[in-house]
């Protein structure tokens, strides 16, 4: 398990977190500042809205499923895109999240106001998120202390996981020790 909140890390909702916005969610941390707060996107909430309906010019570059993902409850009328590049290069219209681990160093945000043609062939995978998750300074730390979140390391395939509905369990299963057993927790603990 990771030790601290960091860009590129994952917040995994514990079974205690029953807020419908975050129940069994996996959140990729995009920004973290002890004074300014934390920003991330929920990776495992595909919506029913196709990218073609909202941002048709980006549809050819989006990795399946070709839908908008519900990034979080903040500014749900805005879009944020993440894309992975196949090499260490930084193409125009793409900004690296962090220079740390390989999982994060090839991941960045896409300027959705840029023409998609400049990124054609430059990115390997892409997802678009409606809204984001945000916490003010100290808020996320309090939620972690209350037992709402686990902080774990991300892996390369997490952001663009082919089956988002299984991501929560898969991320927990790969954790060391007793945390891996949390993946077997039933959706309704009273049915156990």
C-alpha atoms as a PDB file:
ATOM      1  CA  UNK A   1       0.000   0.000   0.000  1.00  0.00           C
ATOM      2  CA  UNK A   2       1.247   3.497  -0.781  1.00  0.00           C
ATOM      3  CA  UNK A   3       2.234   5.709   2.137  1.00  0.00           C
ATOM      4  CA  UNK A   4       0.918   9.131   1.141  1.00  0.00           C
ATOM      5  CA  UNK A   5      -1.361  10.944  -1.300  1.00  0.00           C
ATOM      6  CA  UNK A   6       0.531  11.558  -4.544  1.00  0.00           C
ATOM      7  CA  UNK A   7      -0.112  12.374  -8.201  1.00  0.00           C
ATOM      8  CA  UNK A   8      -0.614   9.141 -10.102  1.00  0.00           C
ATOM      9  CA  UNK A   9      -1.694   7.189  -7.036  1.00  0.00           C
ATOM     10  CA  UNK A  10      -5.101   5.614  -6.634  1.00  0.00           C
ATOM     11  CA  UNK A  11      -7.758   6.213  -4.039  1.00  0.00           C
ATOM     12  CA  UNK A  12      -9.816   3.058  -3.653  1.00  0.00           C
ATOM     13  CA  UNK A  13     -13.113   3.372  -1.792  1.00  0.00           C
ATOM     14  CA  UNK A  14     -13.338   1.134   1.252  1.00  0.00           C
ATOM     15  CA  UNK A  15     -16.537  -0.872   1.783  1.00  0.00           C
ATOM     16  CA  UNK A  16     -17.432   1.705   4.483  1.00  0.00           C
ATOM     17  CA  UNK A  17     -17.777   4.501   1.902  1.00  0.00           C
ATOM     18  CA  UNK A  18     -21.443   4.513   0.894  1.00  0.00           C
ATOM     19  CA  UNK A  19     -21.627   7.942  -0.785  1.00  0.00           C
ATOM     20  CA  UNK A  20     -23.231   7.096  -4.166  1.00  0.00           C
ATOM     21  CA  UNK A  21     -20.687   9.321  -5.950  1.00  0.00           C
ATOM     22  CA  UNK A  22     -17.804   7.194  -4.700  1.00  0.00           C
ATOM     23  CA  UNK A  23     -19.159   3.798  -3.643  1.00  0.00           C
ATOM     24  CA  UNK A  24     -16.664   1.143  -4.852  1.00  0.00           C
ATOM     25  CA  UNK A  25     -14.844   3.744  -6.914  1.00  0.00           C
ATOM     26  CA  UNK A  26     -11.219   3.926  -8.014  1.00  0.00           C
ATOM     27  CA  UNK A  27      -9.943   7.505  -8.300  1.00  0.00           C
ATOM     28  CA  UNK A  28      -6.732   8.477 -10.086  1.00  0.00           C
ATOM     29  CA  UNK A  29      -5.082  11.447  -8.359  1.00  0.00           C
ATOM     30  CA  UNK A  30      -4.250  14.150 -10.916  1.00  0.00           C
ATOM     31  CA  UNK A  31      -3.206  16.978  -8.595  1.00  0.00           C
ATOM     32  CA  UNK A  32      -2.317  17.150  -4.928  1.00  0.00           C
ATOM     33  CA  UNK A  33      -1.122  20.095  -2.895  1.00  0.00           C
ATOM     34  CA  UNK A  34      -1.158  20.101   0.911  1.00  0.00           C
ATOM     35  CA  UNK A  35      -2.371  23.716   0.877  1.00  0.00           C
ATOM     36  CA  UNK A  36      -4.596  23.631  -2.206  1.00  0.00           C
ATOM     37  CA  UNK A  37      -6.303  20.251  -1.986  1.00  0.00           C
ATOM     38  CA  UNK A  38      -6.624  17.244  -4.253  1.00  0.00           C
ATOM     39  CA  UNK A  39      -8.173  16.628  -7.673  1.00  0.00           C
ATOM     40  CA  UNK A  40      -8.798  13.279  -9.362  1.00  0.00           C
ATOM     41  CA  UNK A  41     -11.091  11.363 -11.685  1.00  0.00           C
ATOM     42  CA  UNK A  42     -13.154   8.254 -11.033  1.00  0.00           C
ATOM     43  CA  UNK A  43     -11.836   5.594 -13.420  1.00  0.00           C
ATOM     44  CA  UNK A  44     -14.586   3.007 -13.148  1.00  0.00           C
ATOM     45  CA  UNK A  45     -17.833   4.882 -13.889  1.00  0.00           C
ATOM     46  CA  UNK A  46     -18.680   4.761 -17.596  1.00  0.00           C
ATOM     47  CA  UNK A  47     -21.826   6.709 -18.457  1.00  0.00           C
ATOM     48  CA  UNK A  48     -24.461   5.931 -21.072  1.00  0.00           C
ATOM     49  CA  UNK A  49     -23.448   8.992 -23.102  1.00  0.00           C
ATOM     50  CA  UNK A  50     -21.293   8.256 -26.135  1.00  0.00           C
ATOM     51  CA  UNK A  51     -18.353  10.496 -26.929  1.00  0.00           C
ATOM     52  CA  UNK A  52     -19.908  10.996 -30.378  1.00  0.00           C
ATOM     53  CA  UNK A  53     -22.901  12.752 -28.786  1.00  0.00           C
ATOM     54  CA  UNK A  54     -20.799  15.341 -26.955  1.00  0.00           C
ATOM     55  CA  UNK A  55     -17.329  15.573 -28.532  1.00  0.00           C
ATOM     56  CA  UNK A  56     -17.617  13.816 -31.923  1.00  0.00           C
ATOM     57  CA  UNK A  57     -14.231  15.035 -33.215  1.00  0.00           C
ATOM     58  CA  UNK A  58     -12.482  13.121 -30.412  1.00  0.00           C
ATOM     59  CA  UNK A  59     -14.385   9.845 -30.870  1.00  0.00           C
ATOM     60  CA  UNK A  60     -11.794   8.237 -33.203  1.00  0.00           C
ATOM     61  CA  UNK A  61      -9.070   8.673 -30.541  1.00  0.00           C
ATOM     62  CA  UNK A  62     -11.029   7.359 -27.549  1.00  0.00           C
ATOM     63  CA  UNK A  63     -10.225   3.931 -26.125  1.00  0.00           C
ATOM     64  CA  UNK A  64     -13.255   1.677 -25.563  1.00  0.00           C
ATOM     65  CA  UNK A  65     -15.771   1.795 -24.224  1.00  0.00           C
ATOM     66  CA  UNK A  66     -16.360   4.925 -26.373  1.00  0.00           C
ATOM     67  CA  UNK A  67     -18.423   6.742 -23.742  1.00  0.00           C
ATOM     68  CA  UNK A  68     -17.909   9.630 -21.368  1.00  0.00           C
ATOM     69  CA  UNK A  69     -16.840   8.509 -17.916  1.00  0.00           C
ATOM     70  CA  UNK A  70     -18.304  10.110 -14.793  1.00  0.00           C
ATOM     71  CA  UNK A  71     -15.114  11.639 -13.418  1.00  0.00           C
ATOM     72  CA  UNK A  72     -16.732  12.881 -10.235  1.00  0.00           C
ATOM     73  CA  UNK A  73     -19.435  15.123  -8.841  1.00  0.00           C
ATOM     74  CA  UNK A  74     -17.626  18.454  -9.416  1.00  0.00           C
ATOM     75  CA  UNK A  75     -18.279  20.464 -12.611  1.00  0.00           C
ATOM     76  CA  UNK A  76     -20.087  17.644 -14.378  1.00  0.00           C
ATOM     77  CA  UNK A  77     -20.768  19.954 -17.320  1.00  0.00           C
ATOM     78  CA  UNK A  78     -17.055  20.163 -18.145  1.00  0.00           C
ATOM     79  CA  UNK A  79     -14.805  17.552 -19.749  1.00  0.00           C
ATOM     80  CA  UNK A  80     -11.293  16.416 -18.926  1.00  0.00           C
ATOM     81  CA  UNK A  81      -9.350  13.939 -21.062  1.00  0.00           C
ATOM     82  CA  UNK A  82      -6.489  11.627 -20.155  1.00  0.00           C
ATOM     83  CA  UNK A  83      -4.239  10.014 -22.722  1.00  0.00           C
ATOM     84  CA  UNK A  84      -1.201   7.762 -22.675  1.00  0.00           C
ATOM     85  CA  UNK A  85       1.691   8.252 -25.063  1.00  0.00           C
ATOM     86  CA  UNK A  86       3.643   5.258 -26.367  1.00  0.00           C
ATOM     87  CA  UNK A  87       7.030   6.874 -25.698  1.00  0.00           C
ATOM     88  CA  UNK A  88       8.552   9.524 -23.472  1.00  0.00           C
ATOM     89  CA  UNK A  89       7.819  12.245 -26.039  1.00  0.00           C
ATOM     90  CA  UNK A  90       5.404  15.090 -25.234  1.00  0.00           C
ATOM     91  CA  UNK A  91       3.200  15.798 -28.258  1.00  0.00           C
ATOM     92  CA  UNK A  92       1.468  19.135 -28.740  1.00  0.00           C
ATOM     93  CA  UNK A  93      -1.894  19.253 -26.987  1.00  0.00           C
ATOM     94  CA  UNK A  94      -0.804  16.801 -24.264  1.00  0.00           C
ATOM     95  CA  UNK A  95       0.641  17.613 -20.805  1.00  0.00           C
ATOM     96  CA  UNK A  96       2.388  15.025 -18.638  1.00  0.00           C
ATOM     97  CA  UNK A  97       0.856  14.394 -15.214  1.00  0.00           C
ATOM     98  CA  UNK A  98       4.063  13.566 -13.413  1.00  0.00           C
ATOM     99  CA  UNK A  99       7.565  12.388 -14.222  1.00  0.00           C
ATOM    100  CA  UNK A 100       7.519   9.604 -11.617  1.00  0.00           C
ATOM    101  CA  UNK A 101       6.663   5.955 -12.189  1.00  0.00           C
ATOM    102  CA  UNK A 102       6.273   4.486 -15.669  1.00  0.00           C
ATOM    103  CA  UNK A 103       2.517   4.152 -15.115  1.00  0.00           C
ATOM    104  CA  UNK A 104       2.275   7.902 -14.643  1.00  0.00           C
ATOM    105  CA  UNK A 105       5.132   9.266 -16.758  1.00  0.00           C
ATOM    106  CA  UNK A 106       3.369   8.308 -19.990  1.00  0.00           C
ATOM    107  CA  UNK A 107      -0.009   9.596 -18.813  1.00  0.00           C
ATOM    108  CA  UNK A 108      -1.189  13.151 -19.286  1.00  0.00           C
ATOM    109  CA  UNK A 109      -4.087  15.459 -19.909  1.00  0.00           C
ATOM    110  CA  UNK A 110      -5.311  16.396 -23.367  1.00  0.00           C
ATOM    111  CA  UNK A 111      -6.264  19.924 -24.387  1.00  0.00           C
ATOM    112  CA  UNK A 112      -9.744  19.309 -25.792  1.00  0.00           C
ATOM    113  CA  UNK A 113      -9.635  22.735 -27.479  1.00  0.00           C
ATOM    114  CA  UNK A 114      -6.714  21.575 -29.642  1.00  0.00           C
ATOM    115  CA  UNK A 115      -7.417  20.001 -33.030  1.00  0.00           C
ATOM    116  CA  UNK A 116      -7.531  16.199 -32.625  1.00  0.00           C
ATOM    117  CA  UNK A 117      -5.397  15.768 -35.740  1.00  0.00           C
ATOM    118  CA  UNK A 118      -2.279  16.925 -33.886  1.00  0.00           C
ATOM    119  CA  UNK A 119      -2.600  13.962 -31.511  1.00  0.00           C
ATOM    120  CA  UNK A 120      -3.570  11.391 -34.158  1.00  0.00           C
ATOM    121  CA  UNK A 121      -0.835   8.746 -34.035  1.00  0.00           C
ATOM    122  CA  UNK A 122       0.815  10.428 -31.037  1.00  0.00           C
ATOM    123  CA  UNK A 123      -1.280   8.843 -28.285  1.00  0.00           C
ATOM    124  CA  UNK A 124      -1.861   5.176 -27.520  1.00  0.00           C
ATOM    125  CA  UNK A 125      -5.032   5.424 -25.415  1.00  0.00           C
ATOM    126  CA  UNK A 126      -7.513   8.118 -24.388  1.00  0.00           C
ATOM    127  CA  UNK A 127     -10.570   8.541 -22.156  1.00  0.00           C
ATOM    128  CA  UNK A 128     -12.806  11.552 -21.581  1.00  0.00           C
ATOM    129  CA  UNK A 129     -14.320  12.297 -18.176  1.00  0.00           C
ATOM    130  CA  UNK A 130     -17.302  14.518 -17.383  1.00  0.00           C
ATOM    131  CA  UNK A 131     -16.543  16.244 -14.105  1.00  0.00           C
ATOM    132  CA  UNK A 132     -13.939  15.411 -11.508  1.00  0.00           C
ATOM    133  CA  UNK A 133     -13.521  14.622  -7.833  1.00  0.00           C
ATOM    134  CA  UNK A 134     -12.137  17.371  -5.638  1.00  0.00           C
ATOM    135  CA  UNK A 135     -11.199  17.815  -1.997  1.00  0.00           C
ATOM    136  CA  UNK A 136     -10.184  20.985  -0.185  1.00  0.00           C
ATOM    137  CA  UNK A 137      -6.995  21.130   1.843  1.00  0.00           C
ATOM    138  CA  UNK A 138      -7.145  18.520   4.612  1.00  0.00           C
ATOM    139  CA  UNK A 139     -10.540  17.125   3.540  1.00  0.00           C
ATOM    140  CA  UNK A 140      -9.189  13.994   1.840  1.00  0.00           C
ATOM    141  CA  UNK A 141      -6.761  13.332   4.692  1.00  0.00           C
ATOM    142  CA  UNK A 142      -9.733  13.417   7.087  1.00  0.00           C
ATOM    143  CA  UNK A 143     -11.697  10.977   4.932  1.00  0.00           C
ATOM    144  CA  UNK A 144      -8.702   8.615   4.836  1.00  0.00           C
ATOM    145  CA  UNK A 145      -8.343   8.824   8.637  1.00  0.00           C
ATOM    146  CA  UNK A 146     -12.065   7.967   8.970  1.00  0.00           C
ATOM    147  CA  UNK A 147     -11.519   4.802   6.899  1.00  0.00           C
ATOM    148  CA  UNK A 148     -13.190   5.891   3.649  1.00  0.00           C
ATOM    149  CA  UNK A 149     -10.226   5.382   1.296  1.00  0.00           C
ATOM    150  CA  UNK A 150      -7.214   3.164   0.715  1.00  0.00           C
ATOM    151  CA  UNK A 151      -4.241   4.736  -1.065  1.00  0.00           C
ATOM    152  CA  UNK A 152      -2.495   2.323  -3.425  1.00  0.00           C
ATOM    153  CA  UNK A 153      -0.069   2.442  -6.317  1.00  0.00           C
ATOM    154  CA  UNK A 154      -1.464   2.567  -9.831  1.00  0.00           C
ATOM    155  CA  UNK A 155      -0.444   0.272 -12.659  1.00  0.00           C
ATOM    156  CA  UNK A 156      -0.210   1.020 -16.361  1.00  0.00           C
ATOM    157  CA  UNK A 157      -3.554  -0.565 -17.310  1.00  0.00           C
ATOM    158  CA  UNK A 158      -5.704   1.002 -14.580  1.00  0.00           C
ATOM    159  CA  UNK A 159      -6.651   4.242 -16.342  1.00  0.00           C
ATOM    160  CA  UNK A 160      -7.845   2.518 -19.520  1.00  0.00           C
ATOM    161  CA  UNK A 161      -9.083  -0.752 -18.028  1.00  0.00           C
ATOM    162  CA  UNK A 162     -11.196  -2.647 -20.574  1.00  0.00           C
ATOM    163  CA  UNK A 163     -13.810  -3.689 -17.987  1.00  0.00           C
ATOM    164  CA  UNK A 164     -14.334  -0.700 -15.657  1.00  0.00           C
ATOM    165  CA  UNK A 165     -16.904  -2.605 -13.573  1.00  0.00           C
ATOM    166  CA  UNK A 166     -14.202  -5.028 -12.390  1.00  0.00           C
ATOM    167  CA  UNK A 167     -11.496  -2.435 -11.672  1.00  0.00           C
ATOM    168  CA  UNK A 168     -12.307  -1.968  -7.949  1.00  0.00           C
ATOM    169  CA  UNK A 169     -11.941  -5.690  -7.240  1.00  0.00           C
ATOM    170  CA  UNK A 170      -8.859  -6.111  -9.438  1.00  0.00           C
ATOM    171  CA  UNK A 171      -6.974  -3.222  -7.838  1.00  0.00           C
ATOM    172  CA  UNK A 172      -7.719  -4.582  -4.361  1.00  0.00           C
ATOM    173  CA  UNK A 173      -6.865  -8.193  -5.316  1.00  0.00           C
ATOM    174  CA  UNK A 174      -3.321  -7.265  -6.288  1.00  0.00           C
ATOM    175  CA  UNK A 175      -2.587  -5.574  -2.942  1.00  0.00           C
ATOM    176  CA  UNK A 176      -0.354  -7.310  -0.400  1.00  0.00           C
ATOM    177  CA  UNK A 177      -1.589  -8.850   2.829  1.00  0.00           C
ATOM    178  CA  UNK A 178      -5.090  -8.584   4.208  1.00  0.00           C
ATOM    179  CA  UNK A 179      -6.098  -5.727   1.904  1.00  0.00           C
ATOM    180  CA  UNK A 180      -6.472  -8.235  -0.959  1.00  0.00           C
ATOM    181  CA  UNK A 181      -9.295  -9.914   0.970  1.00  0.00           C
ATOM    182  CA  UNK A 182     -11.370  -6.716   0.811  1.00  0.00           C
ATOM    183  CA  UNK A 183     -11.936  -7.497  -2.886  1.00  0.00           C
ATOM    184  CA  UNK A 184     -14.178 -10.386  -1.798  1.00  0.00           C
ATOM    185  CA  UNK A 185     -16.463  -8.139   0.255  1.00  0.00           C
ATOM    186  CA  UNK A 186     -20.029  -8.542  -1.063  1.00  0.00           C
ATOM    187  CA  UNK A 187     -21.890  -5.531  -2.439  1.00  0.00           C
ATOM    188  CA  UNK A 188     -24.343  -5.883   0.451  1.00  0.00           C
ATOM    189  CA  UNK A 189     -22.442  -6.999   3.589  1.00  0.00           C
ATOM    190  CA  UNK A 190     -25.719  -8.053   5.250  1.00  0.00           C
ATOM    191  CA  UNK A 191     -25.965 -10.826   2.645  1.00  0.00           C
ATOM    192  CA  UNK A 192     -22.691 -12.345   3.885  1.00  0.00           C
END
